[in-house]
Protein backbone atom coordinates (compact mmCIF):
# COMPACT_ATOMS: atom_id res chain seq x y z
CA MET A 1 -19.09 13.81 -10.97
CA LYS A 2 -19.93 16.26 -13.77
CA TYR A 3 -21.59 18.69 -11.38
CA LEU A 4 -18.87 18.36 -8.72
CA TYR A 5 -16.33 19.18 -11.41
CA ARG A 6 -18.34 22.28 -12.41
CA ILE A 7 -18.54 23.42 -8.79
CA TYR A 8 -14.79 22.98 -8.56
CA GLN A 9 -14.29 25.03 -11.71
CA LEU A 10 -16.52 27.83 -10.46
CA LEU A 11 -15.32 28.09 -6.84
CA ILE A 12 -11.68 27.09 -7.09
CA CYS A 13 -10.40 27.30 -10.65
CA LEU A 14 -12.06 30.49 -11.83
CA PRO A 15 -10.70 32.82 -9.08
CA ILE A 16 -7.20 31.38 -9.25
CA LEU A 17 -6.99 31.43 -13.05
CA LEU A 18 -8.39 34.95 -13.23
CA VAL A 19 -5.71 36.25 -10.87
CA ALA A 20 -3.02 34.19 -12.60
CA SER A 21 -4.04 35.56 -16.00
CA ILE A 22 -3.77 39.14 -14.81
CA LEU A 23 -0.39 38.53 -13.12
CA THR A 24 0.97 36.66 -16.16
CA SER A 25 0.03 39.52 -18.47
CA VAL A 26 1.54 42.15 -16.20
CA ILE A 27 4.76 40.17 -15.64
CA THR A 28 5.13 39.52 -19.39
CA VAL A 29 4.68 43.16 -20.31
CA LEU A 30 6.97 44.48 -17.57
CA GLY A 31 9.62 41.83 -18.22
CA CYS A 32 9.66 42.48 -21.95
CA MET A 33 9.89 46.25 -21.31
CA LEU A 34 12.94 45.70 -19.13
CA GLY A 35 14.66 43.43 -21.66
CA ASN A 36 15.18 39.82 -22.77
CA GLY A 37 11.84 39.48 -24.53
CA HIS A 38 12.59 35.91 -25.52
CA PHE A 39 12.65 34.92 -21.81
CA TRP A 40 9.76 37.01 -20.57
CA GLY A 41 7.75 36.40 -23.71
CA TYR A 42 7.83 32.66 -23.16
CA TYR A 43 8.28 31.42 -19.54
CA PRO A 44 5.41 33.35 -17.81
CA GLY A 45 3.06 32.06 -20.53
CA LYS A 46 4.40 28.56 -20.22
CA LEU A 47 3.81 28.43 -16.46
CA TRP A 48 0.38 30.04 -16.91
CA SER A 49 -0.60 27.38 -19.43
CA GLN A 50 0.63 24.59 -17.22
CA LEU A 51 -1.38 26.02 -14.34
CA TRP A 52 -4.59 26.01 -16.43
CA ILE A 53 -4.20 22.36 -17.31
CA ARG A 54 -2.98 21.12 -13.94
CA LEU A 55 -5.59 23.06 -11.96
CA LEU A 56 -8.36 21.65 -14.15
CA LEU A 57 -6.97 18.14 -13.50
CA LEU A 58 -6.46 17.37 -17.17
CA PRO A 59 -3.93 14.52 -17.82
CA VAL A 60 -1.26 15.34 -20.39
CA LYS A 61 0.88 12.99 -22.46
CA VAL A 62 3.62 14.24 -24.78
CA GLU A 63 5.21 11.98 -27.36
CA GLY A 64 8.12 12.56 -29.74
CA ARG A 65 10.35 15.16 -28.06
CA GLU A 66 13.35 13.08 -29.13
CA HIS A 67 12.72 14.29 -32.71
CA LEU A 68 13.76 17.87 -31.86
CA GLN A 69 17.35 19.10 -32.01
CA LYS A 70 18.72 21.69 -29.59
CA ASN A 71 19.12 25.24 -31.00
CA GLN A 72 17.34 24.32 -34.27
CA SER A 73 14.60 26.65 -35.39
CA TYR A 74 11.37 24.99 -36.55
CA VAL A 75 8.11 26.01 -38.04
CA PHE A 76 5.68 23.97 -35.95
CA VAL A 77 2.27 23.33 -37.55
CA ALA A 78 -0.64 21.84 -35.61
CA ASN A 79 -4.27 20.93 -36.04
CA HIS A 80 -6.60 23.40 -34.31
CA GLN A 81 -9.05 21.43 -32.19
CA GLY A 82 -9.93 24.11 -29.66
CA SER A 83 -8.86 26.82 -27.25
CA PHE A 84 -6.91 24.37 -25.10
CA ASP A 85 -4.49 23.85 -27.98
CA ILE A 86 -2.83 27.05 -26.76
CA PHE A 87 -2.29 25.75 -23.24
CA LEU A 88 -1.10 22.36 -24.41
CA ILE A 89 1.50 23.68 -26.83
CA TYR A 90 2.60 26.64 -24.72
CA GLY A 91 2.88 24.57 -21.56
CA PHE A 92 4.26 21.24 -22.80
CA LEU A 93 6.04 21.56 -26.15
CA GLY A 94 9.22 22.41 -24.36
CA ARG A 95 10.58 24.86 -26.96
CA ASN A 96 10.81 28.63 -26.90
CA PHE A 97 8.75 29.97 -29.77
CA LYS A 98 6.57 32.74 -31.09
CA TRP A 99 2.93 32.34 -32.04
CA MET A 100 1.58 33.41 -35.39
CA MET A 101 -1.98 34.46 -34.67
CA LYS A 102 -4.98 36.33 -36.02
CA LYS A 103 -4.85 40.14 -35.78
CA ALA A 104 -8.19 40.11 -33.94
CA LEU A 105 -6.52 38.50 -30.90
CA ARG A 106 -4.71 41.74 -30.28
CA LYS A 107 -7.98 43.09 -28.93
CA VAL A 108 -8.45 40.36 -26.29
CA PRO A 109 -8.10 42.01 -22.84
CA LEU A 110 -4.74 41.35 -21.15
CA VAL A 111 -3.79 38.59 -23.57
CA GLY A 112 -3.51 40.92 -26.58
CA ILE A 113 -1.12 43.41 -24.99
CA ALA A 114 0.96 40.63 -23.43
CA CYS A 115 1.31 38.95 -26.82
CA GLN A 116 2.29 42.26 -28.40
CA TYR A 117 5.10 42.89 -25.93
CA ALA A 118 6.21 39.24 -26.17
CA HIS A 119 6.73 39.79 -29.95
CA HIS A 120 4.25 37.18 -31.06
CA ILE A 121 3.24 37.78 -34.68
CA PHE A 122 -0.22 39.10 -35.55
CA VAL A 123 -1.20 38.35 -39.11
CA ASP A 124 -2.91 41.27 -40.82
CA LYS A 125 -4.71 40.14 -43.99
CA SER A 126 -6.17 43.50 -44.89
CA GLY A 127 -3.82 43.84 -47.89
CA PRO A 128 -0.68 42.45 -49.57
CA SER A 129 1.62 44.97 -47.85
CA LYS A 130 0.21 44.05 -44.43
CA ILE A 131 0.66 40.35 -45.11
CA ARG A 132 4.25 40.93 -46.20
CA ALA A 133 4.91 42.94 -43.03
CA SER A 134 3.59 40.05 -40.89
CA TYR A 135 5.96 37.63 -42.58
CA ASP A 136 8.87 40.07 -42.32
CA LYS A 137 8.26 40.13 -38.59
CA ALA A 138 8.18 36.35 -38.43
CA ARG A 139 11.47 36.24 -40.39
CA GLU A 140 13.12 38.52 -37.86
CA GLU A 141 12.01 36.41 -34.93
CA LEU A 142 13.21 33.09 -36.36
CA GLN A 143 16.79 33.51 -35.27
CA GLU A 144 19.11 31.96 -32.67
CA GLY A 145 17.02 28.82 -32.30
CA MET A 146 13.71 30.60 -31.99
CA SER A 147 10.78 28.73 -33.50
CA LEU A 148 7.31 29.58 -34.74
CA VAL A 149 3.98 27.87 -34.07
CA VAL A 150 1.20 28.15 -36.65
CA PHE A 151 -2.28 26.64 -36.98
CA PRO A 152 -2.41 26.35 -40.79
CA GLU A 153 -6.16 25.63 -40.77
CA GLY A 154 -6.56 29.24 -39.56
CA ALA A 155 -9.60 28.47 -37.39
CA ARG A 156 -10.75 26.03 -34.75
CA THR A 157 -12.65 23.02 -35.96
CA PHE A 158 -16.43 22.68 -35.47
CA THR A 159 -16.28 18.87 -35.58
CA GLY A 160 -12.92 17.72 -34.21
CA HIS A 161 -11.86 16.84 -37.75
CA MET A 162 -9.18 18.66 -39.77
CA GLY A 163 -9.98 21.09 -42.54
CA VAL A 164 -7.65 22.32 -45.28
CA PHE A 165 -4.20 23.80 -44.73
CA ARG A 166 -3.20 27.24 -45.90
CA ARG A 167 0.21 27.74 -47.52
CA GLY A 168 1.54 30.72 -45.54
CA ALA A 169 3.53 28.84 -42.88
CA PHE A 170 5.03 26.52 -45.47
CA MET A 171 6.01 29.41 -47.75
CA LEU A 172 7.80 31.01 -44.82
CA ALA A 173 9.60 27.75 -44.00
CA ASP A 174 10.60 27.44 -47.65
CA GLU A 175 11.94 30.95 -47.79
CA LEU A 176 14.08 30.45 -44.68
CA GLN A 177 14.88 26.80 -45.54
CA LEU A 178 13.65 25.58 -42.15
CA PRO A 179 12.28 22.17 -41.21
CA VAL A 180 8.56 21.97 -40.60
CA CYS A 181 7.58 19.96 -37.53
CA PRO A 182 3.97 18.63 -37.47
CA LEU A 183 2.15 18.45 -34.15
CA THR A 184 -1.00 16.40 -33.55
CA ILE A 185 -3.32 17.53 -30.78
CA ASN A 186 -5.82 15.05 -29.35
CA GLY A 187 -8.36 15.78 -26.64
CA SER A 188 -8.64 19.53 -26.92
CA PHE A 189 -11.90 19.36 -28.83
CA ASP A 190 -13.33 17.08 -26.14
CA VAL A 191 -12.22 19.44 -23.34
CA LYS A 192 -13.69 22.55 -24.93
CA PRO A 193 -15.76 22.04 -28.06
CA ARG A 194 -16.13 25.24 -30.06
CA MET A 195 -19.93 25.33 -30.14
CA LYS A 196 -20.96 23.54 -26.93
CA ASP A 197 -21.59 24.89 -23.43
CA MET A 198 -19.18 27.82 -23.54
CA TYR A 199 -19.07 28.25 -19.77
CA TRP A 200 -17.75 24.84 -18.73
CA ILE A 201 -14.66 22.66 -19.23
CA PHE A 202 -15.15 18.96 -19.84
CA TRP A 203 -12.64 16.54 -18.31
CA HIS A 204 -10.67 14.62 -20.96
CA PRO A 205 -7.03 13.55 -21.36
CA LEU A 206 -4.84 15.66 -23.67
CA ARG A 207 -2.10 14.33 -25.91
CA LEU A 208 0.52 16.20 -27.95
CA THR A 209 2.40 14.18 -30.57
CA ILE A 210 5.58 15.71 -31.98
CA HIS A 211 6.22 14.13 -35.38
CA GLU A 212 9.58 13.88 -37.11
CA PRO A 213 10.47 17.22 -38.71
CA ILE A 214 10.22 17.46 -42.49
CA GLN A 215 13.44 18.82 -43.92
CA PRO A 216 13.37 21.11 -46.97
CA VAL A 217 14.11 19.47 -50.27
CA GLY A 218 15.18 22.23 -52.60
CA LYS A 219 13.40 25.56 -52.66
CA GLY A 220 10.18 26.71 -54.30
CA ALA A 221 6.79 25.31 -55.13
CA GLU A 222 7.77 21.64 -54.95
CA ASN A 223 9.31 22.02 -51.52
CA ILE A 224 6.27 23.93 -50.24
CA LYS A 225 3.94 21.22 -51.55
CA ASN A 226 6.12 18.44 -50.13
CA GLN A 227 6.25 19.95 -46.64
CA MET A 228 2.55 20.83 -46.61
CA THR A 229 1.39 17.41 -47.81
CA LYS A 230 3.66 15.46 -45.50
CA SER A 231 2.66 17.65 -42.53
CA TYR A 232 -1.03 17.16 -43.21
CA ASP A 233 -0.63 13.40 -43.53
CA ALA A 234 1.50 13.16 -40.33
CA ILE A 235 -0.94 15.21 -38.26
CA MET A 236 -3.89 13.24 -39.59
CA SER A 237 -2.20 9.94 -38.83
CA GLY A 238 -1.84 10.95 -35.17
CA LEU A 239 -5.50 11.70 -34.63
CA VAL A 240 -7.68 9.26 -32.76
CA PRO A 241 -9.97 7.28 -35.08
CA GLU A 242 -13.02 9.28 -34.08
CA TYR A 243 -11.60 12.39 -35.72
CA GLN A 244 -9.77 10.88 -38.69
CA GLY A 245 -10.69 12.14 -42.10
CA PHE A 246 -11.27 15.55 -43.68
CA VAL A 247 -14.39 17.53 -42.85
CA GLU A 248 -14.92 20.96 -44.41
CA ASN A 249 -14.74 23.82 -41.91
CA PRO A 250 -17.09 26.65 -42.94
CA ASP A 251 -15.02 29.10 -40.91
CA GLN A 252 -11.97 28.70 -43.18
């Protein structure tokens, strides 16, 4: 079955997904140029992400959507198991949002320019003024029910286990007094491990768990610590036993 699945990926999935990726980028850019960037910056990417997962025959289960309130902005924070985290969240979270991502992703062909026009936020860490500008941009976008998705580990895991969380997303949530909503991703590391066989996808079910949002309690260091600690614990609790526990990530 493994080799049949690889033949299917090569002959069926690859051509379709390549064309779909080009079309999605073009539609996103043109749509955002014409107006309503919140619509065109989200729905083409959502459908593209769903196509990736459905075409590759990966089962998806989403738990916890009942925890989210309509028109409420959230700072979503998730563990970063692998590249399929993007497709799982974009395609199946069910909320319009902006990504906060590494500046280097701006250089990815097609994807980078589409993300730029869609007003996703590139984090430039080259200096304090650049970092402030990134967070000013995020502050502008978090209006009218718009949310933000951040991987606070900052890098994909090498082992499937979680590393440490950085404070940036929680500082932004504290400043804007927004609830932080933890997301646990399971299966993405098994579908596409970071350091294994870069050319092939491995069949494995995917699961996205939406935990209960953590409301701000006051403002300042204590609130930041509270939301960061509770988010980490919630995400960890949702991981399958195989990937429970902290493992240092040398890429952080």
